[in-house]
Amino acid sequence: MALDSAKKSEIAKQFGRGENDTGSPEVQIALLSNRITYLTEHLKTNKKDHSSRLGLLKLVGQRKRLMRYLKRKDYEKYMEVIKTLGIRDR
């Protein structure tokens, strides 16, 4: 299930740099984390859904790349995002 626009705008307001900011790495990481959480719960009940598992792995890789970029560019913002979202730092 895709996120509805109200949930997306709420995440964008919380993590974005401005009102309509959806492209910043912080917002993208938060949106991906939300989708990853949903897919993780889905896969707990549907263990044989291999196509969703592949999609989950792709999302995790994409989030990892965005987090690496954010860590390089703005370390303070990176630490704030991982603390807020509860993501582990290597």
C-alpha atoms as a PDB file:
ATOM      1  CA  MET A   1       0.000   0.000   0.000  1.00  0.00           C
ATOM      2  CA  ALA A   2       1.356   3.402  -0.973  1.00  0.00           C
ATOM      3  CA  LEU A   3       1.408   6.300   1.443  1.00  0.00           C
ATOM      4  CA  ASP A   4      -1.499   8.687   1.159  1.00  0.00           C
ATOM      5  CA  SER A   5      -0.780  12.328   0.405  1.00  0.00           C
ATOM      6  CA  ALA A   6      -1.700  13.485   3.917  1.00  0.00           C
ATOM      7  CA  LYS A   7       0.898  11.188   5.488  1.00  0.00           C
ATOM      8  CA  LYS A   8       3.514  12.249   2.933  1.00  0.00           C
ATOM      9  CA  SER A   9       2.912  15.937   3.576  1.00  0.00           C
ATOM     10  CA  GLU A  10       3.069  15.342   7.323  1.00  0.00           C
ATOM     11  CA  ILE A  11       6.468  13.642   6.956  1.00  0.00           C
ATOM     12  CA  ALA A  12       7.646  16.420   4.609  1.00  0.00           C
ATOM     13  CA  LYS A  13       6.668  19.083   7.153  1.00  0.00           C
ATOM     14  CA  GLN A  14       8.433  17.253   9.970  1.00  0.00           C
ATOM     15  CA  PHE A  15      11.707  16.579   8.140  1.00  0.00           C
ATOM     16  CA  GLY A  16      11.710  19.124   5.302  1.00  0.00           C
ATOM     17  CA  ARG A  17      13.576  22.358   5.070  1.00  0.00           C
ATOM     18  CA  GLY A  18      10.534  24.286   3.875  1.00  0.00           C
ATOM     19  CA  GLU A  19       6.798  23.992   3.309  1.00  0.00           C
ATOM     20  CA  ASN A  20       6.798  21.954   0.102  1.00  0.00           C
ATOM     21  CA  ASP A  21      10.208  20.322   0.411  1.00  0.00           C
ATOM     22  CA  THR A  22       9.997  16.712  -0.746  1.00  0.00           C
ATOM     23  CA  GLY A  23      13.373  16.288  -2.447  1.00  0.00           C
ATOM     24  CA  SER A  24      15.802  16.817   0.400  1.00  0.00           C
ATOM     25  CA  PRO A  25      17.632  13.711   1.615  1.00  0.00           C
ATOM     26  CA  GLU A  26      16.041  13.959   5.067  1.00  0.00           C
ATOM     27  CA  VAL A  27      12.507  13.759   3.664  1.00  0.00           C
ATOM     28  CA  GLN A  28      13.428  10.974   1.250  1.00  0.00           C
ATOM     29  CA  ILE A  29      15.005   8.939   4.073  1.00  0.00           C
ATOM     30  CA  ALA A  30      11.907   9.413   6.237  1.00  0.00           C
ATOM     31  CA  LEU A  31       9.544   8.373   3.412  1.00  0.00           C
ATOM     32  CA  LEU A  32      11.650   5.323   2.597  1.00  0.00           C
ATOM     33  CA  SER A  33      11.761   4.370   6.282  1.00  0.00           C
ATOM     34  CA  ASN A  34       7.983   4.507   6.435  1.00  0.00           C
ATOM     35  CA  ARG A  35       7.677   2.222   3.396  1.00  0.00           C
ATOM     36  CA  ILE A  36      10.323  -0.134   4.795  1.00  0.00           C
ATOM     37  CA  THR A  37       8.404  -0.431   8.058  1.00  0.00           C
ATOM     38  CA  TYR A  38       5.199  -1.222   6.177  1.00  0.00           C
ATOM     39  CA  LEU A  39       6.875  -3.859   4.001  1.00  0.00           C
ATOM     40  CA  THR A  40       8.572  -5.446   7.003  1.00  0.00           C
ATOM     41  CA  GLU A  41       5.207  -5.900   8.702  1.00  0.00           C
ATOM     42  CA  HIS A  42       3.723  -7.252   5.461  1.00  0.00           C
ATOM     43  CA  LEU A  43       6.493  -9.823   5.127  1.00  0.00           C
ATOM     44  CA  LYS A  44       5.972 -11.061   8.687  1.00  0.00           C
ATOM     45  CA  THR A  45       2.543 -12.322   7.685  1.00  0.00           C
ATOM     46  CA  ASN A  46       3.322 -13.208   4.037  1.00  0.00           C
ATOM     47  CA  LYS A  47       6.564 -15.123   4.288  1.00  0.00           C
ATOM     48  CA  LYS A  48       6.506 -16.409   0.700  1.00  0.00           C
ATOM     49  CA  ASP A  49       6.066 -13.011  -0.963  1.00  0.00           C
ATOM     50  CA  HIS A  50       9.461 -12.918  -2.636  1.00  0.00           C
ATOM     51  CA  SER A  51       8.751 -10.006  -4.964  1.00  0.00           C
ATOM     52  CA  SER A  52       7.951  -7.753  -2.008  1.00  0.00           C
ATOM     53  CA  ARG A  53      11.119  -8.976  -0.287  1.00  0.00           C
ATOM     54  CA  LEU A  54      13.144  -7.939  -3.347  1.00  0.00           C
ATOM     55  CA  GLY A  55      11.455  -4.532  -3.303  1.00  0.00           C
ATOM     56  CA  LEU A  56      12.253  -4.187   0.388  1.00  0.00           C
ATOM     57  CA  LEU A  57      15.924  -4.902  -0.237  1.00  0.00           C
ATOM     58  CA  LYS A  58      15.999  -2.278  -2.995  1.00  0.00           C
ATOM     59  CA  LEU A  59      14.413   0.304  -0.681  1.00  0.00           C
ATOM     60  CA  VAL A  60      16.919  -0.464   2.067  1.00  0.00           C
ATOM     61  CA  GLY A  61      19.791  -0.014  -0.385  1.00  0.00           C
ATOM     62  CA  GLN A  62      18.395   3.270  -1.633  1.00  0.00           C
ATOM     63  CA  ARG A  63      17.963   4.545   1.931  1.00  0.00           C
ATOM     64  CA  LYS A  64      21.504   3.461   2.764  1.00  0.00           C
ATOM     65  CA  ARG A  65      22.898   5.471  -0.167  1.00  0.00           C
ATOM     66  CA  LEU A  66      20.895   8.554   0.821  1.00  0.00           C
ATOM     67  CA  MET A  67      22.083   8.227   4.425  1.00  0.00           C
ATOM     68  CA  ARG A  68      25.705   7.961   3.293  1.00  0.00           C
ATOM     69  CA  TYR A  69      25.240  11.125   1.209  1.00  0.00           C
ATOM     70  CA  LEU A  70      23.618  13.024   4.075  1.00  0.00           C
ATOM     71  CA  LYS A  71      26.354  11.911   6.480  1.00  0.00           C
ATOM     72  CA  ARG A  72      28.977  13.323   4.114  1.00  0.00           C
ATOM     73  CA  LYS A  73      27.182  16.627   3.490  1.00  0.00           C
ATOM     74  CA  ASP A  74      25.570  17.508   6.849  1.00  0.00           C
ATOM     75  CA  TYR A  75      26.604  15.317   9.774  1.00  0.00           C
ATOM     76  CA  GLU A  76      24.471  17.130  12.380  1.00  0.00           C
ATOM     77  CA  LYS A  77      21.313  16.705  10.294  1.00  0.00           C
ATOM     78  CA  TYR A  78      22.245  13.050   9.715  1.00  0.00           C
ATOM     79  CA  MET A  79      22.503  12.406  13.455  1.00  0.00           C
ATOM     80  CA  GLU A  80      19.164  14.159  14.033  1.00  0.00           C
ATOM     81  CA  VAL A  81      17.417  12.083  11.349  1.00  0.00           C
ATOM     82  CA  ILE A  82      18.698   8.704  12.563  1.00  0.00           C
ATOM     83  CA  LYS A  83      17.824   9.573  16.152  1.00  0.00           C
ATOM     84  CA  THR A  84      14.295  10.633  15.196  1.00  0.00           C
ATOM     85  CA  LEU A  85      13.657   7.618  12.974  1.00  0.00           C
ATOM     86  CA  GLY A  86      15.411   5.115  15.243  1.00  0.00           C
ATOM     87  CA  ILE A  87      17.816   3.923  12.554  1.00  0.00           C
ATOM     88  CA  ARG A  88      21.092   2.333  13.589  1.00  0.00           C
ATOM     89  CA  ASP A  89      24.382   3.926  12.619  1.00  0.00           C
ATOM     90  CA  ARG A  90      27.033   1.461  11.601  1.00  0.00           C
END
